[in-house]
């Protein structure tokens, strides 16, 4: 059995915070973790952090996102693509430069 979650009705058209995804996660958990359809119809903007959290929730609960448009669709695609790439941490020597005043800062940047 699937449950349809209308994000516009739940959170409005402009979603800026990662924590807002908690409302969706709560509904999914209350649905005994049944597969949910997260309907983004009418949602105009979502932040990257909300998109990241929403994708994580979907991954854990096997839910799907539908009806994304405009900026919300673009952000979901960007975040989804960035999540598929593994992050590489570069190890190497880091040079620390101590600057004591504006004159030393000016002198440092004049060397570039």
PDB file of N, CA and C in Angstrom:
ATOM      1  N   UNK A   1       0.827  -1.179   0.000  1.00  0.00           N
ATOM      2  CA  UNK A   1       0.000   0.000   0.000  1.00  0.00           C
ATOM      3  C   UNK A   1       0.875   1.247   0.000  1.00  0.00           C
ATOM      4  N   UNK A   2       0.532   2.214  -0.815  1.00  0.00           N
ATOM      5  CA  UNK A   2       1.285   3.462  -0.902  1.00  0.00           C
ATOM      6  C   UNK A   2       0.517   4.593  -0.236  1.00  0.00           C
ATOM      7  N   UNK A   3       1.280   5.532   0.290  1.00  0.00           N
ATOM      8  CA  UNK A   3       0.686   6.727   0.872  1.00  0.00           C
ATOM      9  C   UNK A   3       1.190   7.923   0.074  1.00  0.00           C
ATOM     10  N   UNK A   4       0.272   8.825  -0.263  1.00  0.00           N
ATOM     11  CA  UNK A   4       0.631  10.025  -1.012  1.00  0.00           C
ATOM     12  C   UNK A   4       0.807  11.190  -0.035  1.00  0.00           C
ATOM     13  N   UNK A   5       1.987  11.822  -0.054  1.00  0.00           N
ATOM     14  CA  UNK A   5       2.282  12.954   0.821  1.00  0.00           C
ATOM     15  C   UNK A   5       2.360  14.213  -0.038  1.00  0.00           C
ATOM     16  N   UNK A   6       1.432  15.124   0.146  1.00  0.00           N
ATOM     17  CA  UNK A   6       1.406  16.395  -0.592  1.00  0.00           C
ATOM     18  C   UNK A   6       2.262  17.413   0.165  1.00  0.00           C
ATOM     19  N   UNK A   7       3.452  17.659  -0.337  1.00  0.00           N
ATOM     20  CA  UNK A   7       4.417  18.519   0.340  1.00  0.00           C
ATOM     21  C   UNK A   7       3.916  19.963   0.407  1.00  0.00           C
ATOM     22  N   UNK A   8       3.255  20.434  -0.632  1.00  0.00           N
ATOM     23  CA  UNK A   8       2.728  21.800  -0.632  1.00  0.00           C
ATOM     24  C   UNK A   8       1.773  22.013   0.542  1.00  0.00           C
ATOM     25  N   UNK A   9       0.882  21.071   0.779  1.00  0.00           N
ATOM     26  CA  UNK A   9      -0.076  21.187   1.880  1.00  0.00           C
ATOM     27  C   UNK A   9       0.615  21.094   3.240  1.00  0.00           C
ATOM     28  N   UNK A  10       1.669  20.310   3.293  1.00  0.00           N
ATOM     29  CA  UNK A  10       2.373  20.061   4.550  1.00  0.00           C
ATOM     30  C   UNK A  10       3.348  21.186   4.911  1.00  0.00           C
ATOM     31  N   UNK A  11       4.118  21.655   3.917  1.00  0.00           N
ATOM     32  CA  UNK A  11       5.215  22.588   4.203  1.00  0.00           C
ATOM     33  C   UNK A  11       5.152  23.908   3.436  1.00  0.00           C
ATOM     34  N   UNK A  12       4.273  24.014   2.459  1.00  0.00           N
ATOM     35  CA  UNK A  12       4.175  25.244   1.687  1.00  0.00           C
ATOM     36  C   UNK A  12       5.036  25.213   0.436  1.00  0.00           C
ATOM     37  N   UNK A  13       5.049  26.321  -0.336  1.00  0.00           N
ATOM     38  CA  UNK A  13       5.742  26.347  -1.619  1.00  0.00           C
ATOM     39  C   UNK A  13       7.235  26.679  -1.544  1.00  0.00           C
ATOM     40  N   UNK A  14       7.715  27.101  -0.374  1.00  0.00           N
ATOM     41  CA  UNK A  14       9.092  27.580  -0.227  1.00  0.00           C
ATOM     42  C   UNK A  14       9.701  26.889   0.995  1.00  0.00           C
ATOM     43  N   UNK A  15      10.566  25.905   0.749  1.00  0.00           N
ATOM     44  CA  UNK A  15      11.105  25.089   1.840  1.00  0.00           C
ATOM     45  C   UNK A  15      12.607  25.323   1.935  1.00  0.00           C
ATOM     46  N   UNK A  16      13.046  25.900   3.040  1.00  0.00           N
ATOM     47  CA  UNK A  16      14.432  26.347   3.161  1.00  0.00           C
ATOM     48  C   UNK A  16      15.290  25.578   4.161  1.00  0.00           C
ATOM     49  N   UNK A  17      14.705  24.735   4.982  1.00  0.00           N
ATOM     50  CA  UNK A  17      15.476  24.120   6.066  1.00  0.00           C
ATOM     51  C   UNK A  17      15.454  22.599   6.016  1.00  0.00           C
ATOM     52  N   UNK A  18      16.611  22.020   6.332  1.00  0.00           N
ATOM     53  CA  UNK A  18      16.761  20.567   6.392  1.00  0.00           C
ATOM     54  C   UNK A  18      15.743  19.967   7.361  1.00  0.00           C
ATOM     55  N   UNK A  19      15.533  20.642   8.470  1.00  0.00           N
ATOM     56  CA  UNK A  19      14.637  20.114   9.503  1.00  0.00           C
ATOM     57  C   UNK A  19      13.199  19.933   9.016  1.00  0.00           C
ATOM     58  N   UNK A  20      12.791  20.660   7.963  1.00  0.00           N
ATOM     59  CA  UNK A  20      11.439  20.496   7.428  1.00  0.00           C
ATOM     60  C   UNK A  20      11.194  19.084   6.908  1.00  0.00           C
ATOM     61  N   UNK A  21      12.246  18.399   6.512  1.00  0.00           N
ATOM     62  CA  UNK A  21      12.089  17.030   6.011  1.00  0.00           C
ATOM     63  C   UNK A  21      11.623  16.092   7.114  1.00  0.00           C
ATOM     64  N   UNK A  22      11.813  16.487   8.371  1.00  0.00           N
ATOM     65  CA  UNK A  22      11.371  15.669   9.489  1.00  0.00           C
ATOM     66  C   UNK A  22       9.865  15.433   9.487  1.00  0.00           C
ATOM     67  N   UNK A  23       9.102  16.423   9.003  1.00  0.00           N
ATOM     68  CA  UNK A  23       7.640  16.265   8.930  1.00  0.00           C
ATOM     69  C   UNK A  23       7.273  15.146   7.960  1.00  0.00           C
ATOM     70  N   UNK A  24       8.003  15.057   6.864  1.00  0.00           N
ATOM     71  CA  UNK A  24       7.758  13.996   5.880  1.00  0.00           C
ATOM     72  C   UNK A  24       8.180  12.646   6.455  1.00  0.00           C
ATOM     73  N   UNK A  25       9.335  12.633   7.104  1.00  0.00           N
ATOM     74  CA  UNK A  25       9.825  11.387   7.702  1.00  0.00           C
ATOM     75  C   UNK A  25       8.847  10.879   8.769  1.00  0.00           C
ATOM     76  N   UNK A  26       8.271  11.783   9.537  1.00  0.00           N
ATOM     77  CA  UNK A  26       7.308  11.393  10.571  1.00  0.00           C
ATOM     78  C   UNK A  26       6.084  10.707   9.953  1.00  0.00           C
ATOM     79  N   UNK A  27       5.581  11.268   8.844  1.00  0.00           N
ATOM     80  CA  UNK A  27       4.425  10.661   8.167  1.00  0.00           C
ATOM     81  C   UNK A  27       4.768   9.270   7.652  1.00  0.00           C
ATOM     82  N   UNK A  28       5.970   9.137   7.093  1.00  0.00           N
ATOM     83  CA  UNK A  28       6.399   7.829   6.579  1.00  0.00           C
ATOM     84  C   UNK A  28       6.461   6.810   7.714  1.00  0.00           C
ATOM     85  N   UNK A  29       7.027   7.211   8.846  1.00  0.00           N
ATOM     86  CA  UNK A  29       7.129   6.295   9.986  1.00  0.00           C
ATOM     87  C   UNK A  29       5.753   5.937  10.534  1.00  0.00           C
ATOM     88  N   UNK A  30       4.849   6.919  10.555  1.00  0.00           N
ATOM     89  CA  UNK A  30       3.484   6.651  11.023  1.00  0.00           C
ATOM     90  C   UNK A  30       2.724   5.736  10.064  1.00  0.00           C
ATOM     91  N   UNK A  31       3.202   5.648   8.833  1.00  0.00           N
ATOM     92  CA  UNK A  31       2.589   4.764   7.831  1.00  0.00           C
ATOM     93  C   UNK A  31       3.223   3.388   7.860  1.00  0.00           C
ATOM     94  N   UNK A  32       3.832   3.058   8.981  1.00  0.00           N
ATOM     95  CA  UNK A  32       4.531   1.773   9.150  1.00  0.00           C
ATOM     96  C   UNK A  32       5.571   1.565   8.057  1.00  0.00           C
ATOM     97  N   UNK A  33       6.227   2.671   7.690  1.00  0.00           N
ATOM     98  CA  UNK A  33       7.272   2.647   6.672  1.00  0.00           C
ATOM     99  C   UNK A  33       6.802   2.064   5.345  1.00  0.00           C
ATOM    100  N   UNK A  34       5.510   2.235   5.055  1.00  0.00           N
ATOM    101  CA  UNK A  34       4.991   1.821   3.743  1.00  0.00           C
ATOM    102  C   UNK A  34       5.628   2.720   2.693  1.00  0.00           C
ATOM    103  N   UNK A  35       5.715   2.244   1.482  1.00  0.00           N
ATOM    104  CA  UNK A  35       6.259   3.070   0.404  1.00  0.00           C
ATOM    105  C   UNK A  35       5.371   4.296   0.250  1.00  0.00           C
ATOM    106  N   UNK A  36       5.987   5.451   0.230  1.00  0.00           N
ATOM    107  CA  UNK A  36       5.240   6.701   0.111  1.00  0.00           C
ATOM    108  C   UNK A  36       5.610   7.420  -1.183  1.00  0.00           C
ATOM    109  N   UNK A  37       4.642   8.109  -1.725  1.00  0.00           N
ATOM    110  CA  UNK A  37       4.858   8.954  -2.892  1.00  0.00           C
ATOM    111  C   UNK A  37       4.887  10.381  -2.381  1.00  0.00           C
ATOM    112  N   UNK A  38       6.024  11.024  -2.527  1.00  0.00           N
ATOM    113  CA  UNK A  38       6.204  12.393  -2.050  1.00  0.00           C
ATOM    114  C   UNK A  38       5.930  13.320  -3.217  1.00  0.00           C
ATOM    115  N   UNK A  39       4.757  13.949  -3.183  1.00  0.00           N
ATOM    116  CA  UNK A  39       4.255  14.763  -4.292  1.00  0.00           C
ATOM    117  C   UNK A  39       4.680  16.220  -4.097  1.00  0.00           C
ATOM    118  N   UNK A  40       5.536  16.715  -4.984  1.00  0.00           N
ATOM    119  CA  UNK A  40       6.093  18.064  -4.902  1.00  0.00           C
ATOM    120  C   UNK A  40       5.310  19.082  -5.746  1.00  0.00           C
ATOM    121  N   UNK A  41       4.139  18.704  -6.242  1.00  0.00           N
ATOM    122  CA  UNK A  41       3.329  19.604  -7.068  1.00  0.00           C
ATOM    123  C   UNK A  41       3.103  20.922  -6.327  1.00  0.00           C
ATOM    124  N   UNK A  42       3.428  22.031  -6.989  1.00  0.00           N
ATOM    125  CA  UNK A  42       3.212  23.356  -6.427  1.00  0.00           C
ATOM    126  C   UNK A  42       4.349  23.883  -5.570  1.00  0.00           C
ATOM    127  N   UNK A  43       5.341  23.059  -5.277  1.00  0.00           N
ATOM    128  CA  UNK A  43       6.488  23.519  -4.493  1.00  0.00           C
ATOM    129  C   UNK A  43       7.425  24.260  -5.442  1.00  0.00           C
ATOM    130  N   UNK A  44       7.680  25.526  -5.141  1.00  0.00           N
ATOM    131  CA  UNK A  44       8.458  26.373  -6.035  1.00  0.00           C
ATOM    132  C   UNK A  44       9.951  26.380  -5.730  1.00  0.00           C
ATOM    133  N   UNK A  45      10.310  26.263  -4.447  1.00  0.00           N
ATOM    134  CA  UNK A  45      11.720  26.329  -4.064  1.00  0.00           C
ATOM    135  C   UNK A  45      11.997  25.365  -2.923  1.00  0.00           C
ATOM    136  N   UNK A  46      13.154  24.691  -3.002  1.00  0.00           N
ATOM    137  CA  UNK A  46      13.668  23.909  -1.881  1.00  0.00           C
ATOM    138  C   UNK A  46      15.156  24.190  -1.759  1.00  0.00           C
ATOM    139  N   UNK A  47      15.658  24.171  -0.546  1.00  0.00           N
ATOM    140  CA  UNK A  47      17.089  24.386  -0.339  1.00  0.00           C
ATOM    141  C   UNK A  47      17.844  23.095  -0.626  1.00  0.00           C
ATOM    142  N   UNK A  48      19.147  23.240  -0.814  1.00  0.00           N
ATOM    143  CA  UNK A  48      19.995  22.061  -1.029  1.00  0.00           C
ATOM    144  C   UNK A  48      19.957  21.141   0.188  1.00  0.00           C
ATOM    145  N   UNK A  49      19.959  21.735   1.365  1.00  0.00           N
ATOM    146  CA  UNK A  49      19.975  20.919   2.575  1.00  0.00           C
ATOM    147  C   UNK A  49      18.664  20.130   2.728  1.00  0.00           C
ATOM    148  N   UNK A  50      17.536  20.763   2.398  1.00  0.00           N
ATOM    149  CA  UNK A  50      16.261  20.040   2.450  1.00  0.00           C
ATOM    150  C   UNK A  50      16.270  18.908   1.428  1.00  0.00           C
ATOM    151  N   UNK A  51      16.747  19.191   0.213  1.00  0.00           N
ATOM    152  CA  UNK A  51      16.799  18.169  -0.837  1.00  0.00           C
ATOM    153  C   UNK A  51      17.672  16.995  -0.408  1.00  0.00           C
ATOM    154  N   UNK A  52      18.806  17.281   0.204  1.00  0.00           N
ATOM    155  CA  UNK A  52      19.706  16.223   0.664  1.00  0.00           C
ATOM    156  C   UNK A  52      19.017  15.350   1.704  1.00  0.00           C
ATOM    157  N   UNK A  53      18.366  15.982   2.670  1.00  0.00           N
ATOM    158  CA  UNK A  53      17.666  15.223   3.715  1.00  0.00           C
ATOM    159  C   UNK A  53      16.506  14.422   3.134  1.00  0.00           C
ATOM    160  N   UNK A  54      15.772  15.024   2.211  1.00  0.00           N
ATOM    161  CA  UNK A  54      14.642  14.341   1.573  1.00  0.00           C
ATOM    162  C   UNK A  54      15.114  13.107   0.798  1.00  0.00           C
ATOM    163  N   UNK A  55      16.209  13.247   0.070  1.00  0.00           N
ATOM    164  CA  UNK A  55      16.754  12.102  -0.672  1.00  0.00           C
ATOM    165  C   UNK A  55      17.214  10.993   0.270  1.00  0.00           C
ATOM    166  N   UNK A  56      17.772  11.367   1.410  1.00  0.00           N
ATOM    167  CA  UNK A  56      18.190  10.365   2.402  1.00  0.00           C
ATOM    168  C   UNK A  56      16.980   9.627   2.961  1.00  0.00           C
ATOM    169  N   UNK A  57      15.919  10.363   3.242  1.00  0.00           N
ATOM    170  CA  UNK A  57      14.686   9.748   3.738  1.00  0.00           C
ATOM    171  C   UNK A  57      14.121   8.781   2.697  1.00  0.00           C
ATOM    172  N   UNK A  58      14.120   9.206   1.442  1.00  0.00           N
ATOM    173  CA  UNK A  58      13.611   8.347   0.359  1.00  0.00           C
ATOM    174  C   UNK A  58      14.438   7.078   0.233  1.00  0.00           C
ATOM    175  N   UNK A  59      15.737   7.226   0.371  1.00  0.00           N
ATOM    176  CA  UNK A  59      16.637   6.076   0.267  1.00  0.00           C
ATOM    177  C   UNK A  59      16.345   5.053   1.370  1.00  0.00           C
ATOM    178  N   UNK A  60      16.145   5.545   2.594  1.00  0.00           N
ATOM    179  CA  UNK A  60      15.893   4.651   3.727  1.00  0.00           C
ATOM    180  C   UNK A  60      14.506   4.017   3.676  1.00  0.00           C
ATOM    181  N   UNK A  61      13.535   4.734   3.142  1.00  0.00           N
ATOM    182  CA  UNK A  61      12.153   4.256   3.202  1.00  0.00           C
ATOM    183  C   UNK A  61      11.628   3.717   1.871  1.00  0.00           C
ATOM    184  N   UNK A  62      12.465   3.744   0.847  1.00  0.00           N
ATOM    185  CA  UNK A  62      12.063   3.285  -0.485  1.00  0.00           C
ATOM    186  C   UNK A  62      10.893   4.097  -1.036  1.00  0.00           C
ATOM    187  N   UNK A  63      10.830   5.371  -0.664  1.00  0.00           N
ATOM    188  CA  UNK A  63       9.788   6.262  -1.158  1.00  0.00           C
ATOM    189  C   UNK A  63      10.280   6.953  -2.423  1.00  0.00           C
ATOM    190  N   UNK A  64       9.351   7.538  -3.168  1.00  0.00           N
ATOM    191  CA  UNK A  64       9.708   8.219  -4.412  1.00  0.00           C
ATOM    192  C   UNK A  64       9.191   9.653  -4.390  1.00  0.00           C
ATOM    193  N   UNK A  65       9.891  10.499  -5.123  1.00  0.00           N
ATOM    194  CA  UNK A  65       9.519  11.902  -5.259  1.00  0.00           C
ATOM    195  C   UNK A  65       8.928  12.090  -6.650  1.00  0.00           C
ATOM    196  N   UNK A  66       7.759  12.735  -6.731  1.00  0.00           N
ATOM    197  CA  UNK A  66       7.112  12.975  -8.023  1.00  0.00           C
ATOM    198  C   UNK A  66       6.715  14.436  -8.147  1.00  0.00           C
ATOM    199  N   UNK A  67       6.435  14.840  -9.380  1.00  0.00           N
ATOM    200  CA  UNK A  67       5.914  16.168  -9.718  1.00  0.00           C
ATOM    201  C   UNK A  67       6.821  17.321  -9.297  1.00  0.00           C
ATOM    202  N   UNK A  68       8.120  17.159  -9.482  1.00  0.00           N
ATOM    203  CA  UNK A  68       9.021  18.285  -9.221  1.00  0.00           C
ATOM    204  C   UNK A  68       9.067  19.167 -10.458  1.00  0.00           C
ATOM    205  N   UNK A  69       9.131  20.475 -10.232  1.00  0.00           N
ATOM    206  CA  UNK A  69       9.157  21.434 -11.332  1.00  0.00           C
ATOM    207  C   UNK A  69      10.113  22.571 -11.004  1.00  0.00           C
ATOM    208  N   UNK A  70      10.590  23.231 -12.031  1.00  0.00           N
ATOM    209  CA  UNK A  70      11.378  24.457 -11.874  1.00  0.00           C
ATOM    210  C   UNK A  70      12.593  24.293 -10.997  1.00  0.00           C
ATOM    211  N   UNK A  71      12.763  25.245 -10.075  1.00  0.00           N
ATOM    212  CA  UNK A  71      13.930  25.275  -9.200  1.00  0.00           C
ATOM    213  C   UNK A  71      13.995  24.015  -8.332  1.00  0.00           C
ATOM    214  N   UNK A  72      12.851  23.585  -7.806  1.00  0.00           N
ATOM    215  CA  UNK A  72      12.834  22.388  -6.959  1.00  0.00           C
ATOM    216  C   UNK A  72      13.361  21.170  -7.714  1.00  0.00           C
ATOM    217  N   UNK A  73      12.962  21.035  -8.963  1.00  0.00           N
ATOM    218  CA  UNK A  73      13.436  19.928  -9.796  1.00  0.00           C
ATOM    219  C   UNK A  73      14.937  20.020 -10.026  1.00  0.00           C
ATOM    220  N   UNK A  74      15.410  21.218 -10.317  1.00  0.00           N
ATOM    221  CA  UNK A  74      16.847  21.430 -10.561  1.00  0.00           C
ATOM    222  C   UNK A  74      17.661  21.088  -9.321  1.00  0.00           C
ATOM    223  N   UNK A  75      17.216  21.559  -8.167  1.00  0.00           N
ATOM    224  CA  UNK A  75      17.943  21.296  -6.917  1.00  0.00           C
ATOM    225  C   UNK A  75      17.971  19.798  -6.609  1.00  0.00           C
ATOM    226  N   UNK A  76      16.848  19.119  -6.778  1.00  0.00           N
ATOM    227  CA  UNK A  76      16.809  17.664  -6.543  1.00  0.00           C
ATOM    228  C   UNK A  76      17.821  16.959  -7.450  1.00  0.00           C
ATOM    229  N   UNK A  77      17.872  17.341  -8.720  1.00  0.00           N
ATOM    230  CA  UNK A  77      18.810  16.704  -9.662  1.00  0.00           C
ATOM    231  C   UNK A  77      20.257  16.983  -9.282  1.00  0.00           C
ATOM    232  N   UNK A  78      20.562  18.230  -8.909  1.00  0.00           N
ATOM    233  CA  UNK A  78      21.934  18.595  -8.539  1.00  0.00           C
ATOM    234  C   UNK A  78      22.376  17.819  -7.303  1.00  0.00           C
ATOM    235  N   UNK A  79      21.539  17.810  -6.288  1.00  0.00           N
ATOM    236  CA  UNK A  79      21.895  17.126  -5.044  1.00  0.00           C
ATOM    237  C   UNK A  79      21.988  15.622  -5.268  1.00  0.00           C
ATOM    238  N   UNK A  80      21.079  15.068  -6.036  1.00  0.00           N
ATOM    239  CA  UNK A  80      21.116  13.639  -6.336  1.00  0.00           C
ATOM    240  C   UNK A  80      22.412  13.268  -7.046  1.00  0.00           C
ATOM    241  N   UNK A  81      22.801  14.081  -8.000  1.00  0.00           N
ATOM    242  CA  UNK A  81      24.047  13.815  -8.739  1.00  0.00           C
ATOM    243  C   UNK A  81      25.261  13.920  -7.815  1.00  0.00           C
ATOM    244  N   UNK A  82      25.271  14.926  -6.939  1.00  0.00           N
ATOM    245  CA  UNK A  82      26.421  15.097  -6.050  1.00  0.00           C
ATOM    246  C   UNK A  82      26.493  13.974  -5.011  1.00  0.00           C
ATOM    247  N   UNK A  83      25.352  13.408  -4.649  1.00  0.00           N
ATOM    248  CA  UNK A  83      25.338  12.298  -3.682  1.00  0.00           C
ATOM    249  C   UNK A  83      25.882  11.016  -4.292  1.00  0.00           C
ATOM    250  N   UNK A  84      25.836  10.901  -5.604  1.00  0.00           N
ATOM    251  CA  UNK A  84      26.306   9.676  -6.254  1.00  0.00           C
ATOM    252  C   UNK A  84      27.825   9.644  -6.412  1.00  0.00           C
ATOM    253  N   UNK A  85      28.461  10.792  -6.240  1.00  0.00           N
ATOM    254  CA  UNK A  85      29.919  10.852  -6.354  1.00  0.00           C
ATOM    255  C   UNK A  85      30.538  10.687  -4.974  1.00  0.00           C
ATOM    256  N   UNK A  86      31.592   9.865  -4.901  1.00  0.00           N
ATOM    257  CA  UNK A  86      32.265   9.729  -3.620  1.00  0.00           C
ATOM    258  C   UNK A  86      33.190  10.927  -3.412  1.00  0.00           C
ATOM    259  N   UNK A  87      33.237  11.362  -2.188  1.00  0.00           N
ATOM    260  CA  UNK A  87      34.068  12.517  -1.867  1.00  0.00           C
ATOM    261  C   UNK A  87      35.494  12.069  -1.626  1.00  0.00           C
ATOM    262  N   UNK A  88      36.419  12.855  -2.122  1.00  0.00           N
ATOM    263  CA  UNK A  88      37.827  12.539  -1.981  1.00  0.00           C
ATOM    264  C   UNK A  88      38.462  13.590  -1.079  1.00  0.00           C
ATOM    265  N   UNK A  89      39.073  13.118  -0.021  1.00  0.00           N
ATOM    266  CA  UNK A  89      39.790  14.025   0.869  1.00  0.00           C
ATOM    267  C   UNK A  89      41.261  13.972   0.485  1.00  0.00           C
ATOM    268  N   UNK A  90      41.800  15.127   0.214  1.00  0.00           N
ATOM    269  CA  UNK A  90      43.198  15.200  -0.173  1.00  0.00           C
ATOM    270  C   UNK A  90      44.065  15.330   1.077  1.00  0.00           C
ATOM    271  N   UNK A  91      45.054  14.478   1.127  1.00  0.00           N
ATOM    272  CA  UNK A  91      45.998  14.547   2.235  1.00  0.00           C
ATOM    273  C   UNK A  91      47.272  15.157   1.703  1.00  0.00           C
ATOM    274  N   UNK A  92      47.780  16.058   2.436  1.00  0.00           N
ATOM    275  CA  UNK A  92      49.016  16.682   2.011  1.00  0.00           C
ATOM    276  C   UNK A  92      49.408  17.774   2.980  1.00  0.00           C
ATOM    277  N   UNK A  93      50.555  18.291   2.734  1.00  0.00           N
ATOM    278  CA  UNK A  93      51.062  19.348   3.605  1.00  0.00           C
ATOM    279  C   UNK A  93      50.267  20.625   3.388  1.00  0.00           C
ATOM    280  N   UNK A  94      49.934  21.251   4.483  1.00  0.00           N
ATOM    281  CA  UNK A  94      49.240  22.522   4.439  1.00  0.00           C
ATOM    282  C   UNK A  94      50.173  23.557   5.041  1.00  0.00           C
ATOM    283  N   UNK A  95      50.365  24.608   4.314  1.00  0.00           N
ATOM    284  CA  UNK A  95      51.254  25.665   4.781  1.00  0.00           C
ATOM    285  C   UNK A  95      50.422  26.718   5.509  1.00  0.00           C
ATOM    286  N   UNK A  96      50.783  26.961   6.756  1.00  0.00           N
ATOM    287  CA  UNK A  96      50.092  27.963   7.554  1.00  0.00           C
ATOM    288  C   UNK A  96      50.934  29.232   7.561  1.00  0.00           C
ATOM    289  N   UNK A  97      50.302  30.317   7.241  1.00  0.00           N
ATOM    290  CA  UNK A  97      50.994  31.602   7.204  1.00  0.00           C
ATOM    291  C   UNK A  97      50.387  32.492   8.263  1.00  0.00           C
ATOM    292  N   UNK A  98      51.212  33.010   9.126  1.00  0.00           N
ATOM    293  CA  UNK A  98      50.730  33.908  10.180  1.00  0.00           C
ATOM    294  C   UNK A  98      50.890  35.349   9.706  1.00  0.00           C
ATOM    295  N   UNK A  99      49.790  36.046   9.734  1.00  0.00           N
ATOM    296  CA  UNK A  99      49.790  37.453   9.364  1.00  0.00           C
ATOM    297  C   UNK A  99      49.396  38.247  10.605  1.00  0.00           C
ATOM    298  N   UNK A 100      50.167  39.260  10.908  1.00  0.00           N
ATOM    299  CA  UNK A 100      49.982  39.960  12.172  1.00  0.00           C
ATOM    300  C   UNK A 100      49.199  41.262  12.057  1.00  0.00           C
ATOM    301  N   UNK A 101      49.146  41.802  10.864  1.00  0.00           N
ATOM    302  CA  UNK A 101      48.434  43.073  10.700  1.00  0.00           C
ATOM    303  C   UNK A 101      48.059  43.242   9.230  1.00  0.00           C
ATOM    304  N   UNK A 102      47.410  44.336   8.907  1.00  0.00           N
ATOM    305  CA  UNK A 102      46.970  44.574   7.528  1.00  0.00           C
ATOM    306  C   UNK A 102      48.146  44.746   6.575  1.00  0.00           C
ATOM    307  N   UNK A 103      49.248  45.311   7.060  1.00  0.00           N
ATOM    308  CA  UNK A 103      50.419  45.494   6.203  1.00  0.00           C
ATOM    309  C   UNK A 103      50.988  44.144   5.774  1.00  0.00           C
ATOM    310  N   UNK A 104      51.061  43.193   6.695  1.00  0.00           N
ATOM    311  CA  UNK A 104      51.582  41.865   6.339  1.00  0.00           C
ATOM    312  C   UNK A 104      50.604  41.133   5.420  1.00  0.00           C
ATOM    313  N   UNK A 105      49.311  41.365   5.618  1.00  0.00           N
ATOM    314  CA  UNK A 105      48.312  40.799   4.727  1.00  0.00           C
ATOM    315  C   UNK A 105      48.471  41.376   3.325  1.00  0.00           C
ATOM    316  N   UNK A 106      48.632  42.671   3.229  1.00  0.00           N
ATOM    317  CA  UNK A 106      48.819  43.337   1.945  1.00  0.00           C
ATOM    318  C   UNK A 106      50.089  42.830   1.250  1.00  0.00           C
ATOM    319  N   UNK A 107      51.153  42.699   2.012  1.00  0.00           N
ATOM    320  CA  UNK A 107      52.404  42.198   1.446  1.00  0.00           C
ATOM    321  C   UNK A 107      52.244  40.754   0.948  1.00  0.00           C
ATOM    322  N   UNK A 108      51.542  39.940   1.683  1.00  0.00           N
ATOM    323  CA  UNK A 108      51.313  38.553   1.278  1.00  0.00           C
ATOM    324  C   UNK A 108      50.549  38.474  -0.042  1.00  0.00           C
ATOM    325  N   UNK A 109      49.459  39.215  -0.154  1.00  0.00           N
ATOM    326  CA  UNK A 109      48.650  39.141  -1.366  1.00  0.00           C
ATOM    327  C   UNK A 109      49.312  39.846  -2.559  1.00  0.00           C
ATOM    328  N   UNK A 110      50.245  40.718  -2.310  1.00  0.00           N
ATOM    329  CA  UNK A 110      50.924  41.390  -3.429  1.00  0.00           C
ATOM    330  C   UNK A 110      51.901  40.460  -4.137  1.00  0.00           C
ATOM    331  N   UNK A 111      52.175  39.309  -3.553  1.00  0.00           N
ATOM    332  CA  UNK A 111      53.096  38.363  -4.186  1.00  0.00           C
ATOM    333  C   UNK A 111      52.415  37.469  -5.213  1.00  0.00           C
ATOM    334  N   UNK A 112      51.091  37.558  -5.365  1.00  0.00           N
ATOM    335  CA  UNK A 112      50.375  36.713  -6.333  1.00  0.00           C
ATOM    336  C   UNK A 112      50.246  37.377  -7.657  1.00  0.00           C
TER     337      UNK A 112
END
